[in-house]
Amino acid sequence: MEDMNHDLAVIIMAGGIGTRFWPLSTEEKPKQFLSLFDDNRSLIQKSYDRIAGLVPNERVLVLTSKRFVDLAAEQLPEIPRENIVGEPIRRDTAAAVCLGTVICKKRFGNPVMVILTADHLIEPADLFRETISSVTHAARQSNVLYTFGIQPTYPATGYGYLELGRKVEEDNGIAHFELLRFKEKPDLDTAKRYVQSGRFLWNSGMFVWRTDTILGEIRKYIPAHLEIFSDAIKFYRTPQWPRVLEKVFECIKPISIDCAVMEKSRNVRCASCTFSWSDVGGWNAIKDYLTRDEAGNYLRGHVRNLDSEGNLVFCENGNEAVMLIGVKDLVVVRADGKTLITHKDRTEDIKRLVQ
């Protein structure tokens, strides 16, 4: 572990808005900065906690929206303020990865980079760190891009899928595979086929690679990104940096790193992960972390129930009360003086309604 610390950099991407967690998550304070659970640690703090000790704090970068830099600094006082980078405009994950990569190259040389997101729940943390150790060791020795694959527990249509090829390594129970292809979010019938085949994993959106490896792939598939960020990094840590960064982001085409690079690259491997993982993509994703009553309702807050079952109720303020009478399969949320009521199968539409 000590050897790894000298050649590792971690990037935590924290630029999302979390619209599907309205009304708790808003543009003023999105979900990664919220404490959804009883330990009073926000999702971004949990993300940091999982890698604390793997790498010096000076080698942890947080990429977030410019408007959330102060909030991120407040919640992560361990991270040097200059390591919290504010993106002036949202331009998806390819821009964030490219920016983080050129910063890592300038500051750290050619480290192995671990790309994480700020809004995942992963347990147990020890197994997660063991997996990172295994993958970073492999990525350091090979000119490949690594992604983390999650064993599917149901035919999800909200996740991308990874089709596994030949097993290339097994390291203390952690299997490494060649990756045949990325598949975007499928319809239900396709998702069922994927899960039944046993050849597909969920795409977690977490990655590991050497800096020079990802730079080579970016140069091949999105050269305009690399060109403009390579010019901009000359102004890093100068008074001109914020304005230069603003101009760069105005010119960048929004695209995810998955679509821009990972789906096209021929040098991708996947670690099959055995830890518990959730991307906390919406209200249904947190039910297992709430109190469950005998009627199958998942609850946080003062809830009174009469002949109601299969509901999820979340109250931000513990003093508020919700009463359920004869209803089934609803999501009910009270936060910031606002109320959400929807059927549990319609939570994906929250984003559309809020927009």
Protein backbone atom coordinates (compact mmCIF):
# COMPACT_ATOMS: atom_id res chain seq x y z
CA MET A 1 0.00 0.00 0.00
CA GLU A 2 2.82 2.40 0.84
CA ASP A 3 4.48 1.78 -2.54
CA MET A 4 1.22 2.49 -4.32
CA ASN A 5 0.80 5.85 -2.63
CA HIS A 6 3.86 7.21 -4.40
CA ASP A 7 2.40 6.59 -7.87
CA LEU A 8 -1.33 7.17 -7.50
CA ALA A 9 -3.72 10.06 -8.01
CA VAL A 10 -7.45 10.03 -7.30
CA ILE A 11 -10.02 12.14 -9.10
CA ILE A 12 -13.49 12.45 -7.56
CA MET A 13 -16.02 13.72 -10.09
CA ALA A 14 -18.70 15.73 -8.27
CA GLY A 15 -20.35 17.90 -10.89
CA GLY A 16 -23.84 16.40 -11.13
CA ILE A 17 -27.13 17.93 -10.04
CA GLY A 18 -29.01 14.82 -8.90
CA THR A 19 -32.37 15.93 -10.27
CA ARG A 20 -34.00 12.55 -9.59
CA PHE A 21 -33.60 13.22 -5.85
CA TRP A 22 -35.81 16.31 -5.92
CA PRO A 23 -37.01 17.89 -3.68
CA LEU A 24 -34.09 17.01 -1.39
CA SER A 25 -31.49 17.49 -4.12
CA THR A 26 -31.61 20.88 -5.81
CA GLU A 27 -29.36 23.02 -8.00
CA GLU A 28 -28.30 24.89 -4.87
CA LYS A 29 -27.28 21.72 -3.01
CA PRO A 30 -27.20 18.55 -5.15
CA LYS A 31 -27.25 15.00 -3.81
CA GLN A 32 -23.49 14.47 -3.52
CA PHE A 33 -23.42 17.08 -0.75
CA LEU A 34 -26.43 15.65 1.13
CA SER A 35 -26.51 13.39 4.16
CA LEU A 36 -29.09 10.80 3.16
CA PHE A 37 -28.30 8.39 5.97
CA ASP A 38 -28.03 8.36 9.73
CA ASP A 39 -24.23 8.72 9.93
CA ASN A 40 -24.46 12.40 8.87
CA ARG A 41 -21.77 11.96 6.22
CA SER A 42 -22.64 13.25 2.77
CA LEU A 43 -22.12 11.11 -0.32
CA ILE A 44 -19.00 13.05 -1.33
CA GLN A 45 -17.60 12.64 2.18
CA LYS A 46 -18.27 8.90 1.98
CA SER A 47 -16.46 8.82 -1.35
CA TYR A 48 -13.44 10.47 0.24
CA ASP A 49 -13.60 8.21 3.31
CA ARG A 50 -13.26 5.13 1.12
CA ILE A 51 -9.93 6.24 -0.34
CA ALA A 52 -8.51 8.06 2.69
CA GLY A 53 -5.17 6.47 3.44
CA LEU A 54 -4.73 5.02 -0.04
CA VAL A 55 -3.13 8.19 -1.33
CA PRO A 56 -1.92 11.45 0.25
CA ASN A 57 -4.58 14.16 0.33
CA GLU A 58 -2.34 16.29 -1.87
CA ARG A 59 -2.92 13.76 -4.67
CA VAL A 60 -6.71 13.81 -4.48
CA LEU A 61 -8.50 16.11 -6.94
CA VAL A 62 -12.19 17.00 -6.72
CA LEU A 63 -13.82 18.22 -9.94
CA THR A 64 -17.12 19.94 -9.33
CA SER A 65 -19.18 22.85 -10.55
CA LYS A 66 -17.68 26.28 -9.96
CA ARG A 67 -20.65 27.19 -7.78
CA PHE A 68 -19.97 24.25 -5.42
CA VAL A 69 -16.25 24.79 -4.79
CA ASP A 70 -16.85 26.44 -1.42
CA LEU A 71 -19.30 23.74 -0.38
CA ALA A 72 -16.89 20.98 -1.40
CA ALA A 73 -14.07 22.68 0.52
CA GLU A 74 -16.30 22.95 3.57
CA GLN A 75 -17.23 19.26 3.48
CA LEU A 76 -13.72 18.04 2.62
CA PRO A 77 -11.38 20.13 4.76
CA GLU A 78 -8.71 17.42 4.41
CA ILE A 79 -8.28 18.20 0.70
CA PRO A 80 -6.08 21.20 -0.20
CA ARG A 81 -8.23 24.02 -1.51
CA GLU A 82 -6.30 24.23 -4.78
CA ASN A 83 -7.20 20.57 -5.44
CA ILE A 84 -10.90 21.40 -5.64
CA VAL A 85 -11.38 22.48 -9.24
CA GLY A 86 -14.51 24.34 -10.33
CA GLU A 87 -15.84 23.64 -13.81
CA PRO A 88 -17.46 26.84 -15.12
CA ILE A 89 -20.01 24.98 -17.29
CA ARG A 90 -21.22 21.38 -17.23
CA ARG A 91 -19.70 19.56 -20.23
CA ASP A 92 -20.08 15.90 -19.16
CA THR A 93 -17.42 13.48 -18.02
CA ALA A 94 -15.03 13.55 -20.99
CA ALA A 95 -14.23 17.18 -20.20
CA ALA A 96 -13.82 16.41 -16.50
CA VAL A 97 -11.52 13.45 -17.17
CA CYS A 98 -9.43 15.40 -19.68
CA LEU A 99 -9.05 18.33 -17.30
CA GLY A 100 -8.12 16.05 -14.42
CA THR A 101 -5.62 14.20 -16.60
CA VAL A 102 -3.70 17.27 -17.75
CA ILE A 103 -3.57 18.51 -14.16
CA CYS A 104 -2.23 15.14 -12.99
CA LYS A 105 0.40 15.15 -15.72
CA LYS A 106 1.54 18.66 -14.85
CA ARG A 107 1.66 18.07 -11.10
CA PHE A 108 2.47 14.40 -10.65
CA GLY A 109 4.14 13.20 -13.87
CA ASN A 110 2.68 9.87 -14.96
CA PRO A 111 0.69 8.47 -12.03
CA VAL A 112 -1.90 5.74 -12.12
CA MET A 113 -5.21 7.59 -12.00
CA VAL A 114 -8.30 6.35 -10.16
CA ILE A 115 -11.50 8.02 -11.43
CA LEU A 116 -14.37 7.89 -8.94
CA THR A 117 -17.73 9.59 -8.59
CA ALA A 118 -19.06 11.43 -5.58
CA ASP A 119 -22.48 9.82 -5.39
CA HIS A 120 -21.95 6.06 -5.05
CA LEU A 121 -22.56 3.83 -2.06
CA ILE A 122 -19.96 1.05 -1.78
CA GLU A 123 -19.57 -1.51 1.01
CA PRO A 124 -17.45 -2.86 2.54
CA ALA A 125 -14.78 -0.21 2.14
CA ASP A 126 -11.95 -2.68 2.80
CA LEU A 127 -12.96 -4.84 -0.17
CA PHE A 128 -13.26 -1.73 -2.34
CA ARG A 129 -9.71 -0.71 -1.42
CA GLU A 130 -8.43 -4.22 -2.13
CA THR A 131 -10.02 -4.05 -5.57
CA ILE A 132 -8.43 -0.67 -6.26
CA SER A 133 -5.06 -2.05 -5.19
CA SER A 134 -5.40 -5.01 -7.55
CA VAL A 135 -6.49 -2.89 -10.51
CA THR A 136 -3.94 -0.12 -10.01
CA HIS A 137 -1.15 -2.69 -9.91
CA ALA A 138 -2.38 -4.18 -13.21
CA ALA A 139 -2.86 -0.77 -14.83
CA ARG A 140 0.64 0.29 -13.87
CA GLN A 141 2.10 -2.73 -15.65
CA SER A 142 -0.10 -2.60 -18.78
CA ASN A 143 -1.07 -0.07 -21.40
CA VAL A 144 -4.79 -0.61 -20.80
CA LEU A 145 -7.85 1.22 -19.53
CA TYR A 146 -9.61 -0.43 -16.60
CA THR A 147 -13.26 -0.16 -15.64
CA PHE A 148 -15.07 -1.61 -12.63
CA GLY A 149 -17.93 -3.98 -13.45
CA ILE A 150 -20.73 -4.76 -11.01
CA GLN A 151 -22.55 -8.07 -10.86
CA PRO A 152 -26.16 -7.31 -11.90
CA THR A 153 -28.82 -8.22 -9.35
CA TYR A 154 -31.78 -7.51 -11.63
CA PRO A 155 -32.34 -6.52 -15.30
CA ALA A 156 -31.76 -2.80 -14.83
CA THR A 157 -32.57 -0.47 -17.72
CA GLY A 158 -30.94 2.55 -16.10
CA TYR A 159 -27.36 1.24 -16.29
CA GLY A 160 -24.95 0.58 -19.12
CA TYR A 161 -23.61 -2.97 -19.51
CA LEU A 162 -20.15 -4.45 -20.07
CA GLU A 163 -19.71 -7.65 -22.09
CA LEU A 164 -16.87 -9.75 -20.70
CA GLY A 165 -14.33 -11.55 -22.83
CA ARG A 166 -11.40 -13.74 -21.81
CA LYS A 167 -10.29 -13.81 -18.18
CA VAL A 168 -6.72 -12.51 -18.09
CA GLU A 169 -5.94 -12.58 -14.39
CA GLU A 170 -7.26 -13.45 -10.95
CA ASP A 171 -5.74 -11.61 -8.02
CA ASN A 172 -6.84 -12.73 -4.55
CA GLY A 173 -10.35 -13.50 -5.81
CA ILE A 174 -10.61 -10.38 -7.99
CA ALA A 175 -11.09 -11.44 -11.61
CA HIS A 176 -9.77 -9.31 -14.50
CA PHE A 177 -11.31 -9.71 -17.95
CA GLU A 178 -10.80 -8.41 -21.43
CA LEU A 179 -13.80 -6.30 -22.36
CA LEU A 180 -15.58 -7.01 -25.62
CA ARG A 181 -17.92 -4.03 -25.70
CA PHE A 182 -19.87 -1.38 -23.85
CA LYS A 183 -23.64 -1.42 -24.28
CA GLU A 184 -25.75 1.63 -23.52
CA LYS A 185 -28.84 1.46 -21.33
CA PRO A 186 -30.98 -1.34 -22.84
CA ASP A 187 -34.72 -1.94 -22.92
CA LEU A 188 -36.13 -4.43 -20.42
CA ASP A 189 -36.12 -7.47 -22.70
CA THR A 190 -32.50 -6.85 -23.69
CA ALA A 191 -31.49 -6.31 -20.08
CA LYS A 192 -33.08 -9.63 -19.16
CA ARG A 193 -31.05 -11.40 -21.87
CA TYR A 194 -27.86 -9.76 -20.67
CA VAL A 195 -28.40 -10.84 -17.07
CA GLN A 196 -29.43 -14.39 -18.02
CA SER A 197 -26.35 -14.83 -20.22
CA GLY A 198 -23.96 -14.30 -17.32
CA ARG A 199 -21.56 -12.48 -19.67
CA PHE A 200 -22.51 -8.91 -18.75
CA LEU A 201 -21.78 -6.65 -15.80
CA TRP A 202 -23.16 -3.24 -14.96
CA ASN A 203 -20.94 -0.30 -15.87
CA SER A 204 -20.09 1.47 -12.61
CA GLY A 205 -18.58 4.60 -14.20
CA MET A 206 -15.34 4.18 -12.23
CA PHE A 207 -12.01 3.81 -14.05
CA VAL A 208 -8.28 3.24 -13.54
CA TRP A 209 -5.42 3.91 -15.99
CA ARG A 210 -1.95 5.37 -16.28
CA THR A 211 -1.89 9.02 -17.24
CA ASP A 212 0.03 8.41 -20.44
CA THR A 213 -2.38 5.63 -21.43
CA ILE A 214 -5.54 7.73 -21.21
CA LEU A 215 -3.77 10.66 -22.88
CA GLY A 216 -2.99 8.42 -25.85
CA GLU A 217 -6.60 7.30 -26.14
CA ILE A 218 -7.94 10.85 -25.78
CA ARG A 219 -5.53 11.98 -28.47
CA LYS A 220 -6.85 9.24 -30.75
CA TYR A 221 -10.60 9.67 -30.21
CA ILE A 222 -11.25 13.25 -29.00
CA PRO A 223 -8.14 15.18 -30.05
CA ALA A 224 -9.92 18.54 -29.84
CA HIS A 225 -10.43 18.03 -26.10
CA LEU A 226 -6.76 17.29 -25.56
CA GLU A 227 -5.55 20.15 -27.71
CA ILE A 228 -7.59 22.79 -25.95
CA PHE A 229 -6.90 21.51 -22.43
CA SER A 230 -3.18 21.13 -23.16
CA ASP A 231 -3.07 24.80 -24.15
CA ALA A 232 -5.06 25.82 -21.09
CA ILE A 233 -2.92 23.95 -18.54
CA LYS A 234 -0.04 26.34 -19.29
CA PHE A 235 -1.98 28.88 -17.18
CA TYR A 236 -2.59 26.51 -14.25
CA ARG A 237 -1.94 28.19 -10.89
CA THR A 238 -1.77 31.63 -12.49
CA PRO A 239 -4.24 34.53 -12.11
CA GLN A 240 -5.45 33.87 -15.66
CA TRP A 241 -6.49 30.27 -14.92
CA PRO A 242 -10.18 30.85 -14.05
CA ARG A 243 -10.82 32.91 -17.18
CA VAL A 244 -8.88 30.50 -19.41
CA LEU A 245 -10.87 27.59 -18.00
CA GLU A 246 -14.11 29.41 -18.69
CA LYS A 247 -13.17 29.94 -22.34
CA VAL A 248 -12.14 26.29 -22.69
CA PHE A 249 -15.43 24.96 -21.38
CA GLU A 250 -17.38 27.27 -23.67
CA CYS A 251 -15.70 25.57 -26.65
CA ILE A 252 -15.98 21.95 -25.49
CA LYS A 253 -18.62 19.63 -26.92
CA PRO A 254 -20.49 17.78 -24.14
CA ILE A 255 -19.86 14.02 -24.28
CA SER A 256 -19.27 11.30 -21.70
CA ILE A 257 -15.92 9.56 -21.38
CA ASP A 258 -17.78 6.29 -21.99
CA CYS A 259 -19.06 7.36 -25.40
CA ALA A 260 -15.99 9.38 -26.36
CA VAL A 261 -13.26 6.88 -25.47
CA MET A 262 -14.22 3.73 -23.60
CA GLU A 263 -16.67 2.39 -26.18
CA LYS A 264 -14.11 2.88 -28.98
CA SER A 265 -10.86 1.82 -27.36
CA ARG A 266 -9.41 -1.62 -28.07
CA ASN A 267 -7.40 -1.59 -24.85
CA VAL A 268 -10.07 -1.97 -22.16
CA ARG A 269 -10.19 -4.43 -19.29
CA CYS A 270 -12.73 -4.93 -16.55
CA ALA A 271 -12.42 -5.95 -12.92
CA SER A 272 -15.40 -7.98 -11.77
CA CYS A 273 -16.22 -6.41 -8.41
CA THR A 274 -17.71 -8.29 -5.49
CA PHE A 275 -18.42 -5.37 -3.18
CA SER A 276 -21.93 -3.97 -2.78
CA TRP A 277 -22.52 -0.98 -5.06
CA SER A 278 -25.28 1.52 -5.75
CA ASP A 279 -25.09 4.65 -7.86
CA VAL A 280 -27.85 6.19 -5.71
CA GLY A 281 -29.56 7.18 -8.93
CA GLY A 282 -32.97 7.85 -7.44
CA TRP A 283 -35.24 7.37 -4.47
CA ASN A 284 -35.74 3.64 -5.01
CA ALA A 285 -31.98 3.13 -4.72
CA ILE A 286 -31.89 4.04 -1.02
CA LYS A 287 -34.71 1.86 0.27
CA ASP A 288 -32.37 -0.78 1.68
CA TYR A 289 -30.75 1.90 3.84
CA LEU A 290 -34.03 2.95 5.46
CA THR A 291 -36.10 1.35 8.23
CA ARG A 292 -38.46 -1.34 6.92
CA ASP A 293 -41.77 -2.04 8.67
CA GLU A 294 -43.84 -5.23 8.62
CA ALA A 295 -45.88 -4.06 5.62
CA GLY A 296 -42.78 -3.59 3.47
CA ASN A 297 -42.71 0.20 3.75
CA TYR A 298 -39.27 1.85 3.82
CA LEU A 299 -39.31 4.82 6.16
CA ARG A 300 -37.39 7.79 7.48
CA GLY A 301 -39.29 10.21 9.69
CA HIS A 302 -42.48 10.01 11.75
CA VAL A 303 -44.77 7.83 9.64
CA ARG A 304 -48.16 6.44 10.62
CA ASN A 305 -49.51 3.65 8.47
CA LEU A 306 -52.98 2.18 8.00
CA ASP A 307 -53.42 -0.58 5.39
CA SER A 308 -50.53 0.68 3.24
CA GLU A 309 -47.68 -1.39 1.84
CA GLY A 310 -44.60 -1.20 -0.36
CA ASN A 311 -44.15 2.56 0.02
CA LEU A 312 -41.00 4.63 0.51
CA VAL A 313 -41.32 7.68 2.76
CA PHE A 314 -38.43 10.08 3.39
CA CYS A 315 -38.68 13.15 5.65
CA GLU A 316 -35.70 15.48 5.75
CA ASN A 317 -36.93 17.03 8.98
CA GLY A 318 -37.44 14.46 11.72
CA ASN A 319 -40.20 16.57 13.27
CA GLU A 320 -42.51 16.22 10.27
CA ALA A 321 -45.16 13.49 10.13
CA VAL A 322 -46.60 11.59 7.19
CA MET A 323 -49.77 9.49 7.38
CA LEU A 324 -50.48 6.73 4.86
CA ILE A 325 -53.96 5.28 4.44
CA GLY A 326 -54.69 2.51 1.97
CA VAL A 327 -51.94 3.33 -0.53
CA LYS A 328 -49.40 1.08 -2.20
CA ASP A 329 -46.06 1.39 -3.99
CA LEU A 330 -45.69 5.17 -3.62
CA VAL A 331 -42.61 7.32 -3.07
CA VAL A 332 -43.39 10.21 -0.70
CA VAL A 333 -40.71 12.79 0.09
CA ARG A 334 -40.85 15.89 2.28
CA ALA A 335 -37.87 18.26 2.04
CA ASP A 336 -37.32 22.01 2.17
CA GLY A 337 -41.03 22.73 2.44
CA LYS A 338 -41.73 20.76 -0.76
CA THR A 339 -43.50 17.45 -1.32
CA LEU A 340 -43.02 14.72 -3.90
CA ILE A 341 -45.59 11.96 -4.43
CA THR A 342 -45.10 9.48 -7.25
CA HIS A 343 -45.56 5.81 -8.00
CA LYS A 344 -42.32 3.91 -7.43
CA ASP A 345 -42.25 2.94 -11.14
CA ARG A 346 -42.33 6.59 -12.24
CA THR A 347 -39.34 7.96 -10.34
CA GLU A 348 -37.31 8.29 -13.55
CA ASP A 349 -39.83 10.94 -14.62
CA ILE A 350 -38.89 13.23 -11.73
CA LYS A 351 -36.03 14.61 -13.82
CA ARG A 352 -38.38 15.42 -16.68
CA LEU A 353 -40.90 17.14 -14.43
CA VAL A 354 -38.29 19.22 -12.60
CA GLN A 355 -36.72 20.34 -15.88
